[in-house]
Amino acid sequence: MDKVVATAPAAVADVPDGASLAVGGFGLSGVPNVLIQALHERGVRGLGVVSNNCGAMETGLAVLLAAGRIARVTGSYIGANKEFARQYLAGELEVELIPQGTLAERLRAGGAGIAAFFTPAGVGTQVAEGGLPWRYDGSGGVALASPPKEVREFDGVEYVLERAIRTDFALVRAAKGDRHGNLVFNRSARNFNPLAAMAGRITVAEVEELVEPGEIDPDAVHVPGVFVQRVVPLTPEQAADKKIERRTVSASSARGTVNG
């Protein structure tokens, strides 16, 4: 039951070229940066990544993307990642963009053993009708487009069929974890991490604080250890390394005045 692996490189040593990965995080929050860096150092290539976005500010998955290690991305947001957009438009990267809530549910369904589900999100659009450009040909044309999906009516409302997502591996970051793999996430860093953890056949969690079994209140567990196969404790320096995407501060008040 002791799932602790001493180092990140050891925890991802069996991830092969061409593997599929579900990766937690949203922007810079809750991203398993240490595990991603370990994959980068191994030189693994041709990865299929399922994540909300593909890194930001040259961190997270952006490290693998810039190195040309990612072949396909299933996600919801390109955002300000210029290299992601460049590779996509140049035909170097296959991209399946789907509604954010649908992505979350596809990951959750995969972990829950549900093969597919119907949702109203995307009905009447190319999400359901097909034709979304998954890969460009580098000259502005579409080399590969999304196929149409089944649409069915329930109680007078149309729904589109979405398949669950299961991946070979999942990489997540938790604020706290025990040796049995039970995980706790801190506020917004929870984001897609529990869903990614559920979807992976082998889930690796880097944890900022490792505790002994029984130290986490069962009611506080966000991901039960049954979904987690490996736990990597971070060093204090690794745990503290958290970047801010857009720092926002308020103007200081003049001495003797009160805001509001």
Protein backbone atom coordinates (compact mmCIF):
# COMPACT_ATOMS: atom_id res chain seq x y z
CA MET A 1 0.00 0.00 0.00
CA ASP A 2 2.99 2.32 0.22
CA LYS A 3 2.82 4.10 -3.15
CA VAL A 4 5.64 6.59 -2.54
CA VAL A 5 8.28 6.87 -5.27
CA ALA A 6 11.40 8.74 -4.23
CA THR A 7 11.90 10.87 -7.34
CA ALA A 8 9.92 12.23 -10.27
CA PRO A 9 12.24 10.61 -12.87
CA ALA A 10 11.65 7.20 -11.28
CA ALA A 11 7.89 7.80 -11.21
CA VAL A 12 7.68 8.44 -14.97
CA ALA A 13 10.45 6.07 -16.07
CA ASP A 14 8.00 3.72 -17.84
CA VAL A 15 6.10 6.36 -19.82
CA PRO A 16 6.81 5.36 -23.45
CA ASP A 17 6.86 7.35 -26.67
CA GLY A 18 3.33 7.81 -27.96
CA ALA A 19 1.68 7.49 -24.54
CA SER A 20 -1.53 9.33 -23.72
CA LEU A 21 -1.51 11.60 -20.67
CA ALA A 22 -4.25 13.30 -18.67
CA VAL A 23 -2.64 16.30 -16.99
CA GLY A 24 -4.15 18.41 -14.23
CA GLY A 25 -3.90 22.16 -13.91
CA PHE A 26 -5.51 25.35 -15.15
CA GLY A 27 -3.19 28.09 -16.36
CA LEU A 28 -0.40 28.05 -13.79
CA SER A 29 -2.52 26.67 -10.93
CA GLY A 30 -2.16 23.07 -9.84
CA VAL A 31 0.20 22.09 -12.66
CA PRO A 32 2.44 19.02 -12.06
CA ASN A 33 5.55 20.89 -13.21
CA VAL A 34 8.07 18.55 -11.60
CA LEU A 35 6.66 15.45 -13.29
CA ILE A 36 6.42 17.28 -16.62
CA GLN A 37 10.05 18.35 -16.35
CA ALA A 38 11.06 14.77 -15.59
CA LEU A 39 9.29 13.63 -18.78
CA HIS A 40 11.06 16.35 -20.73
CA GLU A 41 14.46 15.24 -19.45
CA ARG A 42 13.69 11.65 -20.49
CA GLY A 43 13.10 12.77 -24.07
CA VAL A 44 9.73 11.03 -24.48
CA ARG A 45 8.09 11.96 -27.79
CA GLY A 46 4.81 11.68 -29.68
CA LEU A 47 2.66 12.24 -26.61
CA GLY A 48 -1.11 12.61 -26.71
CA VAL A 49 -2.09 15.10 -24.01
CA VAL A 50 -5.51 15.68 -22.47
CA SER A 51 -5.54 18.90 -20.45
CA ASN A 52 -7.54 22.11 -20.19
CA ASN A 53 -4.68 24.09 -21.74
CA CYS A 54 -1.17 23.31 -22.92
CA GLY A 55 0.97 25.34 -20.56
CA ALA A 56 1.50 29.04 -20.01
CA MET A 57 4.46 31.36 -19.65
CA GLU A 58 6.86 28.67 -20.88
CA THR A 59 6.01 26.39 -17.95
CA GLY A 60 4.07 23.19 -17.50
CA LEU A 61 3.12 21.44 -20.74
CA ALA A 62 4.61 24.36 -22.67
CA VAL A 63 8.01 22.81 -21.92
CA LEU A 64 7.08 19.62 -23.78
CA LEU A 65 5.26 21.56 -26.51
CA ALA A 66 8.25 23.79 -27.29
CA ALA A 67 10.48 20.73 -27.52
CA GLY A 68 8.20 19.13 -30.11
CA ARG A 69 7.32 16.22 -27.81
CA ILE A 70 3.50 16.51 -28.10
CA ALA A 71 1.69 15.09 -31.13
CA ARG A 72 -1.93 15.63 -30.11
CA VAL A 73 -3.80 17.82 -27.62
CA THR A 74 -7.37 17.37 -26.40
CA GLY A 75 -8.32 20.51 -24.51
CA SER A 76 -10.49 23.56 -24.20
CA TYR A 77 -8.21 26.58 -24.30
CA ILE A 78 -5.31 27.82 -26.40
CA GLY A 79 -5.25 31.29 -24.85
CA ALA A 80 -2.07 33.31 -25.11
CA ASN A 81 0.15 30.32 -25.89
CA LYS A 82 1.63 31.53 -29.18
CA GLU A 83 3.69 28.40 -29.77
CA PHE A 84 0.59 26.25 -29.37
CA ALA A 85 -1.24 28.38 -31.96
CA ARG A 86 1.77 28.34 -34.30
CA GLN A 87 2.16 24.56 -34.23
CA TYR A 88 -1.58 24.06 -34.70
CA LEU A 89 -1.86 26.38 -37.69
CA ALA A 90 1.35 25.02 -39.22
CA GLY A 91 0.00 21.49 -39.18
CA GLU A 92 2.57 20.28 -36.67
CA LEU A 93 0.05 19.51 -33.94
CA GLU A 94 -3.31 17.76 -33.91
CA VAL A 95 -5.80 19.57 -31.67
CA GLU A 96 -9.27 18.54 -30.53
CA LEU A 97 -10.96 21.56 -28.93
CA ILE A 98 -14.09 20.74 -26.92
CA PRO A 99 -16.31 22.64 -24.47
CA GLN A 100 -14.68 22.91 -21.07
CA GLY A 101 -17.51 21.26 -19.15
CA THR A 102 -17.61 18.44 -21.67
CA LEU A 103 -13.88 17.87 -21.21
CA ALA A 104 -14.35 17.69 -17.44
CA GLU A 105 -17.19 15.19 -17.75
CA ARG A 106 -15.39 13.05 -20.32
CA LEU A 107 -12.49 12.66 -17.89
CA ARG A 108 -14.79 11.97 -14.94
CA ALA A 109 -16.80 9.45 -16.95
CA GLY A 110 -13.64 7.64 -17.94
CA GLY A 111 -12.66 7.24 -14.31
CA ALA A 112 -16.18 6.17 -13.31
CA GLY A 113 -16.35 3.44 -15.94
CA ILE A 114 -18.99 5.20 -18.05
CA ALA A 115 -18.35 4.62 -21.76
CA ALA A 116 -20.21 7.68 -23.08
CA PHE A 117 -22.90 10.21 -22.18
CA PHE A 118 -25.29 12.66 -23.81
CA THR A 119 -24.99 16.42 -23.27
CA PRO A 120 -26.73 19.47 -24.82
CA ALA A 121 -23.41 21.34 -25.05
CA GLY A 122 -22.38 21.66 -28.68
CA VAL A 123 -25.70 20.74 -30.30
CA GLY A 124 -26.20 22.71 -33.51
CA THR A 125 -22.49 23.48 -33.86
CA GLN A 126 -19.49 21.80 -35.48
CA VAL A 127 -18.86 20.05 -32.17
CA ALA A 128 -21.82 17.83 -33.05
CA GLU A 129 -21.98 18.22 -36.82
CA GLY A 130 -18.26 17.66 -37.45
CA GLY A 131 -15.87 19.70 -39.53
CA LEU A 132 -13.76 21.23 -36.78
CA PRO A 133 -10.13 21.36 -37.94
CA TRP A 134 -8.16 18.85 -35.93
CA ARG A 135 -5.07 19.31 -38.09
CA TYR A 136 -4.16 21.90 -40.70
CA ASP A 137 -2.02 21.15 -43.73
CA GLY A 138 0.35 24.08 -43.14
CA SER A 139 -1.08 26.07 -46.06
CA GLY A 140 -4.34 27.16 -44.52
CA GLY A 141 -6.28 24.07 -45.54
CA VAL A 142 -7.73 21.40 -43.25
CA ALA A 143 -5.91 18.07 -43.38
CA LEU A 144 -8.05 16.33 -40.75
CA ALA A 145 -11.50 17.38 -39.53
CA SER A 146 -13.62 16.14 -36.65
CA PRO A 147 -16.26 13.54 -37.50
CA PRO A 148 -19.99 14.06 -36.84
CA LYS A 149 -21.37 12.76 -33.56
CA GLU A 150 -24.64 11.07 -32.77
CA VAL A 151 -27.43 13.47 -31.77
CA ARG A 152 -30.51 12.13 -30.01
CA GLU A 153 -33.63 13.75 -28.63
CA PHE A 154 -34.76 13.28 -25.04
CA ASP A 155 -37.99 14.91 -23.82
CA GLY A 156 -37.98 17.29 -26.75
CA VAL A 157 -34.34 18.41 -26.27
CA GLU A 158 -31.44 17.40 -28.50
CA TYR A 159 -28.26 16.00 -26.97
CA VAL A 160 -24.92 15.03 -28.50
CA LEU A 161 -23.10 11.82 -27.63
CA GLU A 162 -19.65 12.28 -26.09
CA ARG A 163 -17.25 9.43 -25.40
CA ALA A 164 -15.41 9.10 -22.10
CA ILE A 165 -11.65 9.65 -21.94
CA ARG A 166 -9.18 7.14 -20.55
CA THR A 167 -5.44 7.68 -20.80
CA ASP A 168 -2.36 5.53 -20.28
CA PHE A 169 -1.05 7.83 -17.55
CA ALA A 170 -2.21 10.83 -15.53
CA LEU A 171 -0.03 13.50 -13.94
CA VAL A 172 -1.46 15.63 -11.14
CA ARG A 173 -0.30 17.94 -8.36
CA ALA A 174 -1.81 17.92 -4.87
CA ALA A 175 -1.29 20.05 -1.80
CA LYS A 176 -1.26 16.99 0.44
CA GLY A 177 -1.13 13.24 -0.02
CA ASP A 178 -0.52 10.15 2.07
CA ARG A 179 1.32 6.93 1.32
CA HIS A 180 -1.91 5.23 0.23
CA GLY A 181 -2.44 7.83 -2.51
CA ASN A 182 -5.28 9.80 -0.93
CA LEU A 183 -5.04 13.38 -2.19
CA VAL A 184 -6.15 16.84 -1.09
CA PHE A 185 -6.01 19.91 -3.33
CA ASN A 186 -5.85 23.54 -2.30
CA ARG A 187 -8.70 25.75 -3.53
CA SER A 188 -8.37 26.70 -7.21
CA ALA A 189 -5.47 24.27 -7.66
CA ARG A 190 -8.08 21.53 -7.45
CA ASN A 191 -9.42 22.42 -10.95
CA PHE A 192 -8.97 19.50 -13.39
CA ASN A 193 -6.65 17.51 -11.11
CA PRO A 194 -9.22 15.10 -9.56
CA LEU A 195 -10.74 14.43 -12.98
CA ALA A 196 -7.36 13.77 -14.59
CA ALA A 197 -6.43 11.49 -11.70
CA MET A 198 -9.57 9.43 -12.25
CA ALA A 199 -9.00 9.09 -16.01
CA GLY A 200 -5.46 7.71 -15.92
CA ARG A 201 -4.82 3.97 -15.87
CA ILE A 202 -1.61 4.79 -13.99
CA THR A 203 -1.85 8.03 -12.03
CA VAL A 204 1.21 9.77 -10.66
CA ALA A 205 0.74 12.54 -8.10
CA GLU A 206 3.38 15.02 -7.00
CA VAL A 207 2.47 16.24 -3.51
CA GLU A 208 3.63 19.34 -1.71
CA GLU A 209 3.22 17.65 1.68
CA LEU A 210 3.47 13.91 2.33
CA VAL A 211 1.68 12.65 5.44
CA GLU A 212 1.12 9.25 6.98
CA PRO A 213 -2.08 7.24 6.43
CA GLY A 214 -4.80 8.37 8.82
CA GLU A 215 -3.57 11.97 9.06
CA ILE A 216 -6.03 13.15 6.42
CA ASP A 217 -9.64 13.35 7.56
CA PRO A 218 -11.58 10.99 5.27
CA ASP A 219 -14.14 13.76 4.68
CA ALA A 220 -11.35 16.00 3.37
CA VAL A 221 -10.10 13.58 0.69
CA HIS A 222 -10.70 14.88 -2.84
CA VAL A 223 -9.27 11.85 -4.66
CA PRO A 224 -9.26 8.43 -2.96
CA GLY A 225 -6.09 6.40 -3.18
CA VAL A 226 -7.79 3.77 -5.38
CA PHE A 227 -7.26 6.17 -8.31
CA VAL A 228 -3.57 6.83 -7.57
CA GLN A 229 -0.70 4.41 -8.17
CA ARG A 230 2.37 6.57 -7.43
CA VAL A 231 3.05 9.45 -5.04
CA VAL A 232 6.10 11.70 -5.39
CA PRO A 233 6.90 13.96 -2.41
CA LEU A 234 8.25 17.35 -3.48
CA THR A 235 11.14 19.12 -1.82
CA PRO A 236 10.29 22.36 0.03
CA GLU A 237 11.87 24.30 -2.84
CA GLN A 238 9.78 22.47 -5.45
CA ALA A 239 6.61 22.92 -3.42
CA ALA A 240 7.22 26.66 -3.05
CA ASP A 241 7.97 27.26 -6.74
CA LYS A 242 4.66 28.79 -7.85
CA LYS A 243 4.46 31.45 -10.52
CA ILE A 244 1.81 34.14 -10.99
CA GLU A 245 0.49 34.56 -14.51
CA ARG A 246 -0.78 38.11 -14.14
CA ARG A 247 0.13 39.94 -10.98
CA THR A 248 -2.58 42.44 -9.99
CA VAL A 249 -2.09 44.91 -7.15
CA SER A 250 -4.10 47.85 -5.92
CA ALA A 251 -2.69 51.35 -5.63
CA SER A 252 -1.52 52.18 -2.14
CA SER A 253 -3.67 54.63 -0.21
CA ALA A 254 -2.41 58.01 0.84
CA ARG A 255 -1.40 58.12 4.47
CA GLY A 256 -4.33 58.77 6.74
CA THR A 257 -7.04 57.78 4.23
CA VAL A 258 -9.26 54.73 4.23
CA ASN A 259 -10.40 52.93 1.06
CA GLY A 260 -14.06 52.04 0.65
